[in-house]
Amino acid sequence: MIVGYARTSTADQEAGFAAQRRDLEAAGCERLFSEQVSSMGGRAQLEAALDFVREDDVFVVTKLDRLARSVRNLMEVMDRLKAKNVELRILGMGLDTSTPTGKLILGVMAHVAQFERDMMLERQREGIAKARADGKFKGRKPTARAKAADIRRLRAEGVMPTAIAAKLNIGRTSVYRVLDAGFDAPHRGTNLTNT
């Protein structure tokens, strides 16, 4: 079965909505799901269409931006279709994943998206390194080290590590790390039920 999906962002895009429906019907869609909602919101009819399609169906949209809000979102949709052995056809791009060329184009798009993400992360790391070199970025202040004196004082008063962690709002592992730095190492392994 050929299943179509049409979407416009607002109800006042009636001409574009009608054109999508006409193109999908001309492409042989036997079942048509359509909605007039922003791609940023919930798309109930898209979800219904993705649930409806079955093995060997073809899922058709007129343009890529009618289906996905980002390449990552497209890959998520593709994973759902692939899991059901459903092919995707995007009329405006002439893309059909039932052909080797269509699969190649989609694969290239996925790799480009991954490349863009890797480049963004690299630029982010470079920016942080530069900010650190300029003294503008110091990272998160280590909480437990800042409270080391309080940790040692409370432990000397007989407060158990779990209670210290709760009282100072830090992790129990952080308490042990400070205490194991030579101030109260013997507490570990002595009576764990009281920690």
C-alpha atoms as a PDB file:
ATOM      1  CA  MET A   1       0.000   0.000   0.000  1.00  0.00           C
ATOM      2  CA  ILE A   2       1.154   3.547  -0.716  1.00  0.00           C
ATOM      3  CA  VAL A   3       0.561   5.790   2.292  1.00  0.00           C
ATOM      4  CA  GLY A   4       0.839   9.580   2.066  1.00  0.00           C
ATOM      5  CA  TYR A   5       1.423  12.281   4.650  1.00  0.00           C
ATOM      6  CA  ALA A   6       0.664  15.987   4.138  1.00  0.00           C
ATOM      7  CA  ARG A   7       1.342  18.791   6.597  1.00  0.00           C
ATOM      8  CA  THR A   8       1.282  22.558   6.745  1.00  0.00           C
ATOM      9  CA  SER A   9       2.261  24.626   9.764  1.00  0.00           C
ATOM     10  CA  THR A  10      -0.896  26.726   9.890  1.00  0.00           C
ATOM     11  CA  ALA A  11      -4.502  26.452   8.801  1.00  0.00           C
ATOM     12  CA  ASP A  12      -4.185  29.540   6.566  1.00  0.00           C
ATOM     13  CA  GLN A  13      -1.815  27.678   4.210  1.00  0.00           C
ATOM     14  CA  GLU A  14      -4.823  26.108   2.508  1.00  0.00           C
ATOM     15  CA  ALA A  15      -3.430  26.312  -1.052  1.00  0.00           C
ATOM     16  CA  GLY A  16      -0.205  24.520  -0.069  1.00  0.00           C
ATOM     17  CA  PHE A  17      -2.178  21.922   1.846  1.00  0.00           C
ATOM     18  CA  ALA A  18      -4.440  21.225  -1.124  1.00  0.00           C
ATOM     19  CA  ALA A  19      -1.412  21.019  -3.458  1.00  0.00           C
ATOM     20  CA  GLN A  20       0.267  18.422  -1.225  1.00  0.00           C
ATOM     21  CA  ARG A  21      -2.869  16.313  -1.076  1.00  0.00           C
ATOM     22  CA  ARG A  22      -3.273  16.551  -4.871  1.00  0.00           C
ATOM     23  CA  ASP A  23       0.374  15.526  -5.473  1.00  0.00           C
ATOM     24  CA  LEU A  24       0.123  12.613  -3.044  1.00  0.00           C
ATOM     25  CA  GLU A  25      -3.057  11.344  -4.684  1.00  0.00           C
ATOM     26  CA  ALA A  26      -1.382  11.677  -8.116  1.00  0.00           C
ATOM     27  CA  ALA A  27       1.523   9.609  -6.753  1.00  0.00           C
ATOM     28  CA  GLY A  28      -0.929   6.774  -6.078  1.00  0.00           C
ATOM     29  CA  CYS A  29      -1.465   7.137  -2.321  1.00  0.00           C
ATOM     30  CA  GLU A  30      -4.282   4.863  -1.257  1.00  0.00           C
ATOM     31  CA  ARG A  31      -4.393   6.178   2.297  1.00  0.00           C
ATOM     32  CA  LEU A  32      -3.677   9.782   3.229  1.00  0.00           C
ATOM     33  CA  PHE A  33      -2.854  11.227   6.636  1.00  0.00           C
ATOM     34  CA  SER A  34      -2.824  15.013   6.906  1.00  0.00           C
ATOM     35  CA  GLU A  35      -2.635  17.732   9.532  1.00  0.00           C
ATOM     36  CA  GLN A  36      -2.108  21.449   9.937  1.00  0.00           C
ATOM     37  CA  VAL A  37       0.306  21.791  12.845  1.00  0.00           C
ATOM     38  CA  SER A  38       3.799  23.150  13.387  1.00  0.00           C
ATOM     39  CA  SER A  39       6.612  20.622  13.045  1.00  0.00           C
ATOM     40  CA  MET A  40       7.791  21.714  16.509  1.00  0.00           C
ATOM     41  CA  GLY A  41       4.615  20.522  18.183  1.00  0.00           C
ATOM     42  CA  GLY A  42       3.106  17.078  18.415  1.00  0.00           C
ATOM     43  CA  ARG A  43       2.190  15.600  15.046  1.00  0.00           C
ATOM     44  CA  ALA A  44      -0.577  13.136  15.828  1.00  0.00           C
ATOM     45  CA  GLN A  45      -1.318  12.257  12.195  1.00  0.00           C
ATOM     46  CA  LEU A  46       2.356  11.562  11.458  1.00  0.00           C
ATOM     47  CA  GLU A  47       2.443   9.229  14.439  1.00  0.00           C
ATOM     48  CA  ALA A  48      -0.782   7.583  13.242  1.00  0.00           C
ATOM     49  CA  ALA A  49       0.689   7.142   9.746  1.00  0.00           C
ATOM     50  CA  LEU A  50       3.924   5.632  11.086  1.00  0.00           C
ATOM     51  CA  ASP A  51       1.876   3.245  13.232  1.00  0.00           C
ATOM     52  CA  PHE A  52      -0.401   2.386  10.290  1.00  0.00           C
ATOM     53  CA  VAL A  53       2.223   1.406   7.690  1.00  0.00           C
ATOM     54  CA  ARG A  54       3.034  -2.280   7.314  1.00  0.00           C
ATOM     55  CA  GLU A  55       5.747  -4.369   5.697  1.00  0.00           C
ATOM     56  CA  ASP A  56       6.290  -3.615   1.988  1.00  0.00           C
ATOM     57  CA  ASP A  57       4.287  -0.358   2.169  1.00  0.00           C
ATOM     58  CA  VAL A  58       5.672   2.881   0.708  1.00  0.00           C
ATOM     59  CA  PHE A  59       5.471   6.064   2.790  1.00  0.00           C
ATOM     60  CA  VAL A  60       5.238   9.216   0.636  1.00  0.00           C
ATOM     61  CA  VAL A  61       5.658  12.936   1.368  1.00  0.00           C
ATOM     62  CA  THR A  62       5.920  15.828  -1.080  1.00  0.00           C
ATOM     63  CA  LYS A  63       8.910  17.543   0.564  1.00  0.00           C
ATOM     64  CA  LEU A  64      11.437  16.630   3.209  1.00  0.00           C
ATOM     65  CA  ASP A  65      10.468  19.526   5.492  1.00  0.00           C
ATOM     66  CA  ARG A  66       6.879  18.234   5.573  1.00  0.00           C
ATOM     67  CA  LEU A  67       8.183  15.060   7.248  1.00  0.00           C
ATOM     68  CA  ALA A  68      11.118  15.975   9.489  1.00  0.00           C
ATOM     69  CA  ARG A  69      12.270  19.018  11.424  1.00  0.00           C
ATOM     70  CA  SER A  70      15.958  18.023  11.303  1.00  0.00           C
ATOM     71  CA  VAL A  71      18.219  15.360   9.837  1.00  0.00           C
ATOM     72  CA  ARG A  72      18.272  13.649  13.225  1.00  0.00           C
ATOM     73  CA  ASN A  73      14.477  13.592  13.237  1.00  0.00           C
ATOM     74  CA  LEU A  74      14.535  12.214   9.680  1.00  0.00           C
ATOM     75  CA  MET A  75      16.868   9.412  10.787  1.00  0.00           C
ATOM     76  CA  GLU A  76      14.495   8.575  13.663  1.00  0.00           C
ATOM     77  CA  VAL A  77      11.575   8.353  11.224  1.00  0.00           C
ATOM     78  CA  MET A  78      13.701   6.270   8.847  1.00  0.00           C
ATOM     79  CA  ASP A  79      14.624   3.871  11.648  1.00  0.00           C
ATOM     80  CA  ARG A  80      10.928   3.352  12.386  1.00  0.00           C
ATOM     81  CA  LEU A  81      10.135   2.765   8.722  1.00  0.00           C
ATOM     82  CA  LYS A  82      13.113   0.442   8.246  1.00  0.00           C
ATOM     83  CA  ALA A  83      12.082  -1.622  11.284  1.00  0.00           C
ATOM     84  CA  LYS A  84       8.765  -2.272   9.508  1.00  0.00           C
ATOM     85  CA  ASN A  85      10.434  -2.820   6.092  1.00  0.00           C
ATOM     86  CA  VAL A  86       8.683   0.281   4.698  1.00  0.00           C
ATOM     87  CA  GLU A  87      10.299   2.414   1.988  1.00  0.00           C
ATOM     88  CA  LEU A  88      10.261   6.215   1.907  1.00  0.00           C
ATOM     89  CA  ARG A  89       9.557   8.340  -1.163  1.00  0.00           C
ATOM     90  CA  ILE A  90      10.067  12.137  -1.170  1.00  0.00           C
ATOM     91  CA  LEU A  91       8.473  13.483  -4.329  1.00  0.00           C
ATOM     92  CA  GLY A  92      10.196  16.878  -4.407  1.00  0.00           C
ATOM     93  CA  MET A  93      13.654  15.306  -4.196  1.00  0.00           C
ATOM     94  CA  GLY A  94      12.979  12.330  -6.418  1.00  0.00           C
ATOM     95  CA  LEU A  95      14.222  10.215  -3.512  1.00  0.00           C
ATOM     96  CA  ASP A  96      13.021   6.644  -3.197  1.00  0.00           C
ATOM     97  CA  THR A  97      14.696   4.371  -0.646  1.00  0.00           C
ATOM     98  CA  SER A  98      13.574   1.289  -2.571  1.00  0.00           C
ATOM     99  CA  THR A  99      16.355   2.093  -5.064  1.00  0.00           C
ATOM    100  CA  PRO A 100      20.109   1.829  -4.424  1.00  0.00           C
ATOM    101  CA  THR A 101      20.536   5.522  -5.326  1.00  0.00           C
ATOM    102  CA  GLY A 102      17.833   6.570  -2.873  1.00  0.00           C
ATOM    103  CA  LYS A 103      19.474   4.576  -0.106  1.00  0.00           C
ATOM    104  CA  LEU A 104      22.843   6.129  -0.993  1.00  0.00           C
ATOM    105  CA  ILE A 105      21.482   9.691  -0.884  1.00  0.00           C
ATOM    106  CA  LEU A 106      19.851   9.059   2.470  1.00  0.00           C
ATOM    107  CA  GLY A 107      23.062   7.507   3.804  1.00  0.00           C
ATOM    108  CA  VAL A 108      25.069  10.517   2.639  1.00  0.00           C
ATOM    109  CA  MET A 109      22.592  12.804   4.386  1.00  0.00           C
ATOM    110  CA  ALA A 110      23.043  10.856   7.625  1.00  0.00           C
ATOM    111  CA  HIS A 111      26.840  11.074   7.348  1.00  0.00           C
ATOM    112  CA  VAL A 112      26.696  14.814   6.637  1.00  0.00           C
ATOM    113  CA  ALA A 113      24.535  15.262   9.729  1.00  0.00           C
ATOM    114  CA  GLN A 114      27.031  13.322  11.832  1.00  0.00           C
ATOM    115  CA  PHE A 115      29.899  15.357  10.346  1.00  0.00           C
ATOM    116  CA  GLU A 116      28.100  18.619  11.228  1.00  0.00           C
ATOM    117  CA  ARG A 117      27.579  17.415  14.798  1.00  0.00           C
ATOM    118  CA  ASP A 118      31.236  16.390  15.151  1.00  0.00           C
ATOM    119  CA  MET A 119      32.355  19.783  13.822  1.00  0.00           C
ATOM    120  CA  MET A 120      30.058  21.577  16.264  1.00  0.00           C
ATOM    121  CA  LEU A 121      31.487  19.588  19.185  1.00  0.00           C
ATOM    122  CA  GLU A 122      35.046  20.299  18.009  1.00  0.00           C
ATOM    123  CA  ARG A 123      34.312  24.044  17.832  1.00  0.00           C
ATOM    124  CA  GLN A 124      32.791  23.848  21.301  1.00  0.00           C
ATOM    125  CA  ARG A 125      35.930  22.150  22.699  1.00  0.00           C
ATOM    126  CA  GLU A 126      38.136  24.754  21.001  1.00  0.00           C
ATOM    127  CA  GLY A 127      36.016  27.564  22.447  1.00  0.00           C
ATOM    128  CA  ILE A 128      36.266  26.119  25.961  1.00  0.00           C
ATOM    129  CA  ALA A 129      40.061  25.686  25.600  1.00  0.00           C
ATOM    130  CA  LYS A 130      40.418  29.305  24.434  1.00  0.00           C
ATOM    131  CA  ALA A 131      38.198  30.575  27.259  1.00  0.00           C
ATOM    132  CA  ARG A 132      40.279  28.611  29.767  1.00  0.00           C
ATOM    133  CA  ALA A 133      43.510  30.029  28.316  1.00  0.00           C
ATOM    134  CA  ASP A 134      42.034  33.541  28.623  1.00  0.00           C
ATOM    135  CA  GLY A 135      40.995  32.814  32.223  1.00  0.00           C
ATOM    136  CA  LYS A 136      37.291  33.174  31.394  1.00  0.00           C
ATOM    137  CA  PHE A 137      36.240  29.539  31.857  1.00  0.00           C
ATOM    138  CA  LYS A 138      37.240  27.570  34.883  1.00  0.00           C
ATOM    139  CA  GLY A 139      34.701  24.751  34.729  1.00  0.00           C
ATOM    140  CA  ARG A 140      32.524  23.566  37.563  1.00  0.00           C
ATOM    141  CA  LYS A 141      33.937  24.260  40.997  1.00  0.00           C
ATOM    142  CA  PRO A 142      34.653  20.970  42.818  1.00  0.00           C
ATOM    143  CA  THR A 143      32.011  20.882  45.542  1.00  0.00           C
ATOM    144  CA  ALA A 144      33.428  18.166  47.784  1.00  0.00           C
ATOM    145  CA  ARG A 145      36.933  19.666  47.890  1.00  0.00           C
ATOM    146  CA  ALA A 146      35.443  23.002  48.904  1.00  0.00           C
ATOM    147  CA  LYS A 147      33.686  21.224  51.771  1.00  0.00           C
ATOM    148  CA  ALA A 148      36.671  19.041  52.797  1.00  0.00           C
ATOM    149  CA  ALA A 149      37.120  20.815  56.153  1.00  0.00           C
ATOM    150  CA  ASP A 150      33.429  20.316  56.982  1.00  0.00           C
ATOM    151  CA  ILE A 151      33.628  16.638  55.959  1.00  0.00           C
ATOM    152  CA  ARG A 152      36.640  16.018  58.219  1.00  0.00           C
ATOM    153  CA  ARG A 153      35.085  17.953  61.121  1.00  0.00           C
ATOM    154  CA  LEU A 154      31.791  16.047  60.941  1.00  0.00           C
ATOM    155  CA  ARG A 155      33.583  12.699  60.705  1.00  0.00           C
ATOM    156  CA  ALA A 156      35.721  13.627  63.728  1.00  0.00           C
ATOM    157  CA  GLU A 157      32.472  14.317  65.569  1.00  0.00           C
ATOM    158  CA  GLY A 158      31.391  10.740  64.803  1.00  0.00           C
ATOM    159  CA  VAL A 159      28.968  11.469  61.963  1.00  0.00           C
ATOM    160  CA  MET A 160      28.888   8.579  59.483  1.00  0.00           C
ATOM    161  CA  PRO A 161      29.789   9.199  55.790  1.00  0.00           C
ATOM    162  CA  THR A 162      26.229   8.733  54.470  1.00  0.00           C
ATOM    163  CA  ALA A 163      24.911  11.276  56.974  1.00  0.00           C
ATOM    164  CA  ILE A 164      27.739  13.678  56.074  1.00  0.00           C
ATOM    165  CA  ALA A 165      26.851  13.395  52.386  1.00  0.00           C
ATOM    166  CA  ALA A 166      23.181  14.116  53.099  1.00  0.00           C
ATOM    167  CA  LYS A 167      23.976  17.008  55.432  1.00  0.00           C
ATOM    168  CA  LEU A 168      26.383  18.696  52.989  1.00  0.00           C
ATOM    169  CA  ASN A 169      24.333  17.806  49.884  1.00  0.00           C
ATOM    170  CA  ILE A 170      27.169  15.956  48.138  1.00  0.00           C
ATOM    171  CA  GLY A 171      27.665  12.377  47.010  1.00  0.00           C
ATOM    172  CA  ARG A 172      28.770   9.699  49.462  1.00  0.00           C
ATOM    173  CA  THR A 173      31.627   8.783  47.110  1.00  0.00           C
ATOM    174  CA  SER A 174      32.899  12.354  47.391  1.00  0.00           C
ATOM    175  CA  VAL A 175      32.882  12.057  51.185  1.00  0.00           C
ATOM    176  CA  TYR A 176      34.902   8.842  51.014  1.00  0.00           C
ATOM    177  CA  ARG A 177      37.306  10.439  48.525  1.00  0.00           C
ATOM    178  CA  VAL A 178      38.066  13.291  50.964  1.00  0.00           C
ATOM    179  CA  LEU A 179      38.343  10.939  53.928  1.00  0.00           C
ATOM    180  CA  ASP A 180      40.542   8.469  52.018  1.00  0.00           C
ATOM    181  CA  ALA A 181      42.974  11.260  51.235  1.00  0.00           C
ATOM    182  CA  GLY A 182      44.605  10.355  54.552  1.00  0.00           C
ATOM    183  CA  PHE A 183      42.275  11.807  57.127  1.00  0.00           C
ATOM    184  CA  ASP A 184      40.036   8.880  58.010  1.00  0.00           C
ATOM    185  CA  ALA A 185      40.870   5.962  55.738  1.00  0.00           C
ATOM    186  CA  PRO A 186      40.253   3.190  58.326  1.00  0.00           C
ATOM    187  CA  HIS A 187      36.492   3.812  58.351  1.00  0.00           C
ATOM    188  CA  ARG A 188      36.055   1.907  55.082  1.00  0.00           C
ATOM    189  CA  GLY A 189      35.561  -1.762  55.470  1.00  0.00           C
ATOM    190  CA  THR A 190      35.128  -1.607  59.239  1.00  0.00           C
ATOM    191  CA  ASN A 191      31.377  -1.449  59.635  1.00  0.00           C
ATOM    192  CA  LEU A 192      29.631  -0.747  56.368  1.00  0.00           C
ATOM    193  CA  THR A 193      26.175  -1.154  57.838  1.00  0.00           C
ATOM    194  CA  ASN A 194      26.618   2.063  59.785  1.00  0.00           C
ATOM    195  CA  THR A 195      27.745   4.107  56.768  1.00  0.00           C
END
